[in-house]
Amino acid sequence: MNPRFRSSLLLLACTSVIFCGQTLPSEAAENRFQVRFLKSIHPQPFTGRVYLIFTRSGREPRLGPSWFQPESFIAR
């Protein structure tokens, strides 16, 4: 097989896996989260990043997501 054809085929396969794995906007719109904190804790607006980690294991979330058994998380 031609190396250029093989690399093009691999790129096409990877691209299709990425696009097929994404959720549709209608499915993603069903779940909604709102994060709030008291002004007595921090009076200025929050200017950081929030991570929501959804897990079924007993692993502590601050240890980060697993590369080999990934679970869902959102960062905004």
PDB file of N, CA and C in Angstrom:
ATOM      1  N   MET A   1       0.855  -1.179   0.000  1.00  0.00           N
ATOM      2  CA  MET A   1       0.000   0.000   0.000  1.00  0.00           C
ATOM      3  C   MET A   1       0.897   1.237   0.000  1.00  0.00           C
ATOM      4  N   ASN A   2       0.521   2.208  -0.756  1.00  0.00           N
ATOM      5  CA  ASN A   2       1.249   3.463  -0.871  1.00  0.00           C
ATOM      6  C   ASN A   2       1.253   4.188   0.485  1.00  0.00           C
ATOM      7  N   PRO A   3       2.423   4.633   1.006  1.00  0.00           N
ATOM      8  CA  PRO A   3       2.474   5.310   2.308  1.00  0.00           C
ATOM      9  C   PRO A   3       1.608   6.568   2.372  1.00  0.00           C
ATOM     10  N   ARG A   4       1.524   7.293   1.274  1.00  0.00           N
ATOM     11  CA  ARG A   4       0.697   8.505   1.264  1.00  0.00           C
ATOM     12  C   ARG A   4      -0.786   8.144   1.360  1.00  0.00           C
ATOM     13  N   PHE A   5      -1.197   7.097   0.658  1.00  0.00           N
ATOM     14  CA  PHE A   5      -2.585   6.639   0.720  1.00  0.00           C
ATOM     15  C   PHE A   5      -2.905   6.122   2.124  1.00  0.00           C
ATOM     16  N   ARG A   6      -1.952   5.401   2.722  1.00  0.00           N
ATOM     17  CA  ARG A   6      -2.160   4.846   4.060  1.00  0.00           C
ATOM     18  C   ARG A   6      -2.319   5.976   5.087  1.00  0.00           C
ATOM     19  N   SER A   7      -1.490   7.015   5.001  1.00  0.00           N
ATOM     20  CA  SER A   7      -1.611   8.125   5.952  1.00  0.00           C
ATOM     21  C   SER A   7      -2.914   8.900   5.732  1.00  0.00           C
ATOM     22  N   SER A   8      -3.348   9.030   4.484  1.00  0.00           N
ATOM     23  CA  SER A   8      -4.631   9.695   4.206  1.00  0.00           C
ATOM     24  C   SER A   8      -5.792   8.887   4.759  1.00  0.00           C
ATOM     25  N   LEU A   9      -5.711   7.569   4.622  1.00  0.00           N
ATOM     26  CA  LEU A   9      -6.752   6.691   5.144  1.00  0.00           C
ATOM     27  C   LEU A   9      -6.794   6.750   6.667  1.00  0.00           C
ATOM     28  N   LEU A  10      -5.628   6.789   7.307  1.00  0.00           N
ATOM     29  CA  LEU A  10      -5.560   6.896   8.762  1.00  0.00           C
ATOM     30  C   LEU A  10      -6.141   8.225   9.234  1.00  0.00           C
ATOM     31  N   LEU A  11      -5.830   9.306   8.549  1.00  0.00           N
ATOM     32  CA  LEU A  11      -6.373  10.617   8.894  1.00  0.00           C
ATOM     33  C   LEU A  11      -7.895  10.639   8.751  1.00  0.00           C
ATOM     34  N   LEU A  12      -8.409  10.037   7.697  1.00  0.00           N
ATOM     35  CA  LEU A  12      -9.855   9.959   7.493  1.00  0.00           C
ATOM     36  C   LEU A  12     -10.515   9.150   8.605  1.00  0.00           C
ATOM     37  N   ALA A  13      -9.907   8.039   8.999  1.00  0.00           N
ATOM     38  CA  ALA A  13     -10.466   7.205  10.066  1.00  0.00           C
ATOM     39  C   ALA A  13     -10.485   7.956  11.392  1.00  0.00           C
ATOM     40  N   CYS A  14      -9.392   8.645  11.727  1.00  0.00           N
ATOM     41  CA  CYS A  14      -9.333   9.404  12.980  1.00  0.00           C
ATOM     42  C   CYS A  14     -10.355  10.534  12.997  1.00  0.00           C
ATOM     43  N   THR A  15     -10.502  11.223  11.891  1.00  0.00           N
ATOM     44  CA  THR A  15     -11.464  12.319  11.799  1.00  0.00           C
ATOM     45  C   THR A  15     -12.893  11.817  11.962  1.00  0.00           C
ATOM     46  N   SER A  16     -13.209  10.694  11.342  1.00  0.00           N
ATOM     47  CA  SER A  16     -14.570  10.165  11.462  1.00  0.00           C
ATOM     48  C   SER A  16     -14.853   9.688  12.876  1.00  0.00           C
ATOM     49  N   VAL A  17     -13.864   9.131  13.573  1.00  0.00           N
ATOM     50  CA  VAL A  17     -14.058   8.706  14.962  1.00  0.00           C
ATOM     51  C   VAL A  17     -14.313   9.915  15.850  1.00  0.00           C
ATOM     52  N   ILE A  18     -13.584  10.995  15.623  1.00  0.00           N
ATOM     53  CA  ILE A  18     -13.763  12.203  16.431  1.00  0.00           C
ATOM     54  C   ILE A  18     -15.155  12.787  16.231  1.00  0.00           C
ATOM     55  N   PHE A  19     -15.601  12.908  14.982  1.00  0.00           N
ATOM     56  CA  PHE A  19     -16.905  13.509  14.723  1.00  0.00           C
ATOM     57  C   PHE A  19     -18.059  12.594  15.114  1.00  0.00           C
ATOM     58  N   CYS A  20     -17.898  11.295  15.020  1.00  0.00           N
ATOM     59  CA  CYS A  20     -18.971  10.377  15.411  1.00  0.00           C
ATOM     60  C   CYS A  20     -19.109  10.301  16.924  1.00  0.00           C
ATOM     61  N   GLY A  21     -18.041  10.566  17.654  1.00  0.00           N
ATOM     62  CA  GLY A  21     -18.067  10.480  19.107  1.00  0.00           C
ATOM     63  C   GLY A  21     -18.663  11.694  19.789  1.00  0.00           C
ATOM     64  N   GLN A  22     -18.871  12.781  19.077  1.00  0.00           N
ATOM     65  CA  GLN A  22     -19.410  13.988  19.687  1.00  0.00           C
ATOM     66  C   GLN A  22     -20.919  13.868  19.848  1.00  0.00           C
ATOM     67  N   THR A  23     -21.429  14.475  20.923  1.00  0.00           N
ATOM     68  CA  THR A  23     -22.873  14.451  21.147  1.00  0.00           C
ATOM     69  C   THR A  23     -23.539  15.552  20.338  1.00  0.00           C
ATOM     70  N   LEU A  24     -24.773  15.347  20.030  1.00  0.00           N
ATOM     71  CA  LEU A  24     -25.553  16.348  19.316  1.00  0.00           C
ATOM     72  C   LEU A  24     -25.947  17.467  20.273  1.00  0.00           C
ATOM     73  N   PRO A  25     -26.124  18.679  19.791  1.00  0.00           N
ATOM     74  CA  PRO A  25     -26.494  19.786  20.680  1.00  0.00           C
ATOM     75  C   PRO A  25     -27.799  19.542  21.429  1.00  0.00           C
ATOM     76  N   SER A  26     -28.750  18.849  20.831  1.00  0.00           N
ATOM     77  CA  SER A  26     -30.018  18.594  21.513  1.00  0.00           C
ATOM     78  C   SER A  26     -29.818  17.668  22.704  1.00  0.00           C
ATOM     79  N   GLU A  27     -28.888  16.715  22.606  1.00  0.00           N
ATOM     80  CA  GLU A  27     -28.615  15.827  23.730  1.00  0.00           C
ATOM     81  C   GLU A  27     -27.864  16.570  24.833  1.00  0.00           C
ATOM     82  N   ALA A  28     -26.940  17.426  24.459  1.00  0.00           N
ATOM     83  CA  ALA A  28     -26.131  18.138  25.440  1.00  0.00           C
ATOM     84  C   ALA A  28     -26.952  19.187  26.184  1.00  0.00           C
ATOM     85  N   ALA A  29     -28.000  19.707  25.585  1.00  0.00           N
ATOM     86  CA  ALA A  29     -28.794  20.762  26.201  1.00  0.00           C
ATOM     87  C   ALA A  29     -29.699  20.245  27.316  1.00  0.00           C
ATOM     88  N   GLU A  30     -29.844  18.935  27.458  1.00  0.00           N
ATOM     89  CA  GLU A  30     -30.731  18.387  28.474  1.00  0.00           C
ATOM     90  C   GLU A  30     -30.190  18.599  29.883  1.00  0.00           C
ATOM     91  N   ASN A  31     -28.878  18.527  30.069  1.00  0.00           N
ATOM     92  CA  ASN A  31     -28.271  18.690  31.385  1.00  0.00           C
ATOM     93  C   ASN A  31     -27.778  20.116  31.555  1.00  0.00           C
ATOM     94  N   ARG A  32     -28.012  20.661  32.744  1.00  0.00           N
ATOM     95  CA  ARG A  32     -27.615  22.044  33.004  1.00  0.00           C
ATOM     96  C   ARG A  32     -27.111  22.140  34.446  1.00  0.00           C
ATOM     97  N   PHE A  33     -26.005  22.862  34.634  1.00  0.00           N
ATOM     98  CA  PHE A  33     -25.440  23.074  35.956  1.00  0.00           C
ATOM     99  C   PHE A  33     -25.260  24.559  36.176  1.00  0.00           C
ATOM    100  N   GLN A  34     -25.446  24.969  37.418  1.00  0.00           N
ATOM    101  CA  GLN A  34     -25.211  26.356  37.778  1.00  0.00           C
ATOM    102  C   GLN A  34     -24.379  26.347  39.054  1.00  0.00           C
ATOM    103  N   VAL A  35     -23.220  26.982  39.006  1.00  0.00           N
ATOM    104  CA  VAL A  35     -22.311  27.023  40.148  1.00  0.00           C
ATOM    105  C   VAL A  35     -22.360  28.424  40.739  1.00  0.00           C
ATOM    106  N   ARG A  36     -22.596  28.513  42.054  1.00  0.00           N
ATOM    107  CA  ARG A  36     -22.669  29.797  42.747  1.00  0.00           C
ATOM    108  C   ARG A  36     -21.821  29.738  44.007  1.00  0.00           C
ATOM    109  N   PHE A  37     -21.380  30.897  44.466  1.00  0.00           N
ATOM    110  CA  PHE A  37     -20.723  30.994  45.760  1.00  0.00           C
ATOM    111  C   PHE A  37     -21.160  32.297  46.421  1.00  0.00           C
ATOM    112  N   LEU A  38     -21.075  32.329  47.737  1.00  0.00           N
ATOM    113  CA  LEU A  38     -21.538  33.484  48.496  1.00  0.00           C
ATOM    114  C   LEU A  38     -20.598  34.672  48.313  1.00  0.00           C
ATOM    115  N   LYS A  39     -21.167  35.880  48.273  1.00  0.00           N
ATOM    116  CA  LYS A  39     -20.338  37.086  48.162  1.00  0.00           C
ATOM    117  C   LYS A  39     -19.494  37.295  49.409  1.00  0.00           C
ATOM    118  N   SER A  40     -19.920  36.733  50.534  1.00  0.00           N
ATOM    119  CA  SER A  40     -19.114  36.855  51.752  1.00  0.00           C
ATOM    120  C   SER A  40     -17.815  36.053  51.645  1.00  0.00           C
ATOM    121  N   ILE A  41     -17.786  35.056  50.781  1.00  0.00           N
ATOM    122  CA  ILE A  41     -16.571  34.264  50.574  1.00  0.00           C
ATOM    123  C   ILE A  41     -15.605  34.997  49.657  1.00  0.00           C
ATOM    124  N   HIS A  42     -16.128  35.557  48.565  1.00  0.00           N
ATOM    125  CA  HIS A  42     -15.287  36.261  47.587  1.00  0.00           C
ATOM    126  C   HIS A  42     -16.151  37.322  46.909  1.00  0.00           C
ATOM    127  N   PRO A  43     -16.006  38.612  47.278  1.00  0.00           N
ATOM    128  CA  PRO A  43     -16.910  39.648  46.764  1.00  0.00           C
ATOM    129  C   PRO A  43     -16.755  39.973  45.277  1.00  0.00           C
ATOM    130  N   GLN A  44     -15.571  39.728  44.685  1.00  0.00           N
ATOM    131  CA  GLN A  44     -15.363  40.019  43.270  1.00  0.00           C
ATOM    132  C   GLN A  44     -15.903  38.873  42.405  1.00  0.00           C
ATOM    133  N   PRO A  45     -16.141  39.145  41.116  1.00  0.00           N
ATOM    134  CA  PRO A  45     -16.583  38.081  40.204  1.00  0.00           C
ATOM    135  C   PRO A  45     -15.531  36.973  40.089  1.00  0.00           C
ATOM    136  N   PHE A  46     -15.991  35.773  39.893  1.00  0.00           N
ATOM    137  CA  PHE A  46     -15.100  34.615  39.748  1.00  0.00           C
ATOM    138  C   PHE A  46     -14.427  34.674  38.385  1.00  0.00           C
ATOM    139  N   THR A  47     -13.117  34.544  38.354  1.00  0.00           N
ATOM    140  CA  THR A  47     -12.373  34.621  37.098  1.00  0.00           C
ATOM    141  C   THR A  47     -11.475  33.404  36.929  1.00  0.00           C
ATOM    142  N   GLY A  48     -11.990  32.234  37.160  1.00  0.00           N
ATOM    143  CA  GLY A  48     -11.184  31.020  37.042  1.00  0.00           C
ATOM    144  C   GLY A  48     -11.875  29.979  36.194  1.00  0.00           C
ATOM    145  N   ARG A  49     -11.425  28.759  36.316  1.00  0.00           N
ATOM    146  CA  ARG A  49     -11.971  27.644  35.564  1.00  0.00           C
ATOM    147  C   ARG A  49     -12.617  26.672  36.537  1.00  0.00           C
ATOM    148  N   VAL A  50     -13.778  26.146  36.176  1.00  0.00           N
ATOM    149  CA  VAL A  50     -14.511  25.193  37.004  1.00  0.00           C
ATOM    150  C   VAL A  50     -14.527  23.854  36.287  1.00  0.00           C
ATOM    151  N   TYR A  51     -14.201  22.793  37.014  1.00  0.00           N
ATOM    152  CA  TYR A  51     -14.232  21.440  36.468  1.00  0.00           C
ATOM    153  C   TYR A  51     -15.338  20.652  37.155  1.00  0.00           C
ATOM    154  N   LEU A  52     -16.205  20.031  36.376  1.00  0.00           N
ATOM    155  CA  LEU A  52     -17.218  19.114  36.890  1.00  0.00           C
ATOM    156  C   LEU A  52     -16.810  17.717  36.451  1.00  0.00           C
ATOM    157  N   ILE A  53     -16.550  16.839  37.416  1.00  0.00           N
ATOM    158  CA  ILE A  53     -16.103  15.481  37.112  1.00  0.00           C
ATOM    159  C   ILE A  53     -17.190  14.513  37.556  1.00  0.00           C
ATOM    160  N   PHE A  54     -17.642  13.682  36.639  1.00  0.00           N
ATOM    161  CA  PHE A  54     -18.671  12.686  36.903  1.00  0.00           C
ATOM    162  C   PHE A  54     -17.989  11.329  36.987  1.00  0.00           C
ATOM    163  N   THR A  55     -18.124  10.649  38.119  1.00  0.00           N
ATOM    164  CA  THR A  55     -17.420   9.390  38.291  1.00  0.00           C
ATOM    165  C   THR A  55     -18.319   8.334  38.907  1.00  0.00           C
ATOM    166  N   ARG A  56     -18.012   7.105  38.599  1.00  0.00           N
ATOM    167  CA  ARG A  56     -18.704   5.973  39.209  1.00  0.00           C
ATOM    168  C   ARG A  56     -17.763   5.200  40.124  1.00  0.00           C
ATOM    169  N   SER A  57     -16.502   5.585  40.132  1.00  0.00           N
ATOM    170  CA  SER A  57     -15.522   4.920  40.980  1.00  0.00           C
ATOM    171  C   SER A  57     -15.357   5.700  42.280  1.00  0.00           C
ATOM    172  N   GLY A  58     -14.636   5.139  43.219  1.00  0.00           N
ATOM    173  CA  GLY A  58     -14.395   5.801  44.491  1.00  0.00           C
ATOM    174  C   GLY A  58     -13.144   6.661  44.474  1.00  0.00           C
ATOM    175  N   ARG A  59     -12.555   6.862  43.307  1.00  0.00           N
ATOM    176  CA  ARG A  59     -11.323   7.634  43.179  1.00  0.00           C
ATOM    177  C   ARG A  59     -11.582   9.114  43.440  1.00  0.00           C
ATOM    178  N   GLU A  60     -10.648   9.753  44.126  1.00  0.00           N
ATOM    179  CA  GLU A  60     -10.794  11.167  44.449  1.00  0.00           C
ATOM    180  C   GLU A  60     -10.621  12.024  43.194  1.00  0.00           C
ATOM    181  N   PRO A  61     -11.546  12.954  42.923  1.00  0.00           N
ATOM    182  CA  PRO A  61     -11.502  13.738  41.681  1.00  0.00           C
ATOM    183  C   PRO A  61     -10.248  14.591  41.514  1.00  0.00           C
ATOM    184  N   ARG A  62      -9.638  15.064  42.594  1.00  0.00           N
ATOM    185  CA  ARG A  62      -8.466  15.935  42.446  1.00  0.00           C
ATOM    186  C   ARG A  62      -7.257  15.205  41.877  1.00  0.00           C
ATOM    187  N   LEU A  63      -7.291  13.863  41.851  1.00  0.00           N
ATOM    188  CA  LEU A  63      -6.197  13.096  41.255  1.00  0.00           C
ATOM    189  C   LEU A  63      -6.274  13.107  39.739  1.00  0.00           C
ATOM    190  N   GLY A  64      -7.337  13.660  39.205  1.00  0.00           N
ATOM    191  CA  GLY A  64      -7.454  13.843  37.766  1.00  0.00           C
ATOM    192  C   GLY A  64      -8.111  12.677  37.058  1.00  0.00           C
ATOM    193  N   PRO A  65      -8.521  12.909  35.815  1.00  0.00           N
ATOM    194  CA  PRO A  65      -9.156  11.853  35.034  1.00  0.00           C
ATOM    195  C   PRO A  65      -8.137  10.790  34.617  1.00  0.00           C
ATOM    196  N   SER A  66      -8.609   9.572  34.460  1.00  0.00           N
ATOM    197  CA  SER A  66      -7.760   8.451  34.055  1.00  0.00           C
ATOM    198  C   SER A  66      -7.628   8.427  32.536  1.00  0.00           C
ATOM    199  N   TRP A  67      -6.414   8.184  32.044  1.00  0.00           N
ATOM    200  CA  TRP A  67      -6.190   8.087  30.604  1.00  0.00           C
ATOM    201  C   TRP A  67      -6.704   6.765  30.058  1.00  0.00           C
ATOM    202  N   PHE A  68      -6.687   5.721  30.883  1.00  0.00           N
ATOM    203  CA  PHE A  68      -7.004   4.383  30.397  1.00  0.00           C
ATOM    204  C   PHE A  68      -8.452   3.980  30.645  1.00  0.00           C
ATOM    205  N   GLN A  69      -9.109   4.584  31.621  1.00  0.00           N
ATOM    206  CA  GLN A  69     -10.530   4.353  31.879  1.00  0.00           C
ATOM    207  C   GLN A  69     -11.197   5.719  32.056  1.00  0.00           C
ATOM    208  N   PRO A  70     -11.329   6.485  30.966  1.00  0.00           N
ATOM    209  CA  PRO A  70     -11.824   7.861  31.087  1.00  0.00           C
ATOM    210  C   PRO A  70     -13.290   7.925  31.495  1.00  0.00           C
ATOM    211  N   GLU A  71     -13.601   8.957  32.263  1.00  0.00           N
ATOM    212  CA  GLU A  71     -14.975   9.246  32.646  1.00  0.00           C
ATOM    213  C   GLU A  71     -15.266  10.691  32.237  1.00  0.00           C
ATOM    214  N   SER A  72     -16.513  11.043  32.225  1.00  0.00           N
ATOM    215  CA  SER A  72     -16.928  12.359  31.730  1.00  0.00           C
ATOM    216  C   SER A  72     -16.508  13.478  32.670  1.00  0.00           C
ATOM    217  N   PHE A  73     -16.047  14.580  32.085  1.00  0.00           N
ATOM    218  CA  PHE A  73     -15.843  15.801  32.853  1.00  0.00           C
ATOM    219  C   PHE A  73     -15.987  17.004  31.934  1.00  0.00           C
ATOM    220  N   ILE A  74     -16.347  18.131  32.547  1.00  0.00           N
ATOM    221  CA  ILE A  74     -16.588  19.373  31.820  1.00  0.00           C
ATOM    222  C   ILE A  74     -15.703  20.452  32.438  1.00  0.00           C
ATOM    223  N   ALA A  75     -15.108  21.282  31.618  1.00  0.00           N
ATOM    224  CA  ALA A  75     -14.322  22.421  32.104  1.00  0.00           C
ATOM    225  C   ALA A  75     -14.823  23.678  31.406  1.00  0.00           C
ATOM    226  N   ARG A  76     -15.205  24.666  32.172  1.00  0.00           N
ATOM    227  CA  ARG A  76     -15.686  25.942  31.617  1.00  0.00           C
ATOM    228  C   ARG A  76     -14.996  27.080  32.320  1.00  0.00           C
TER     229      ARG A  76
END
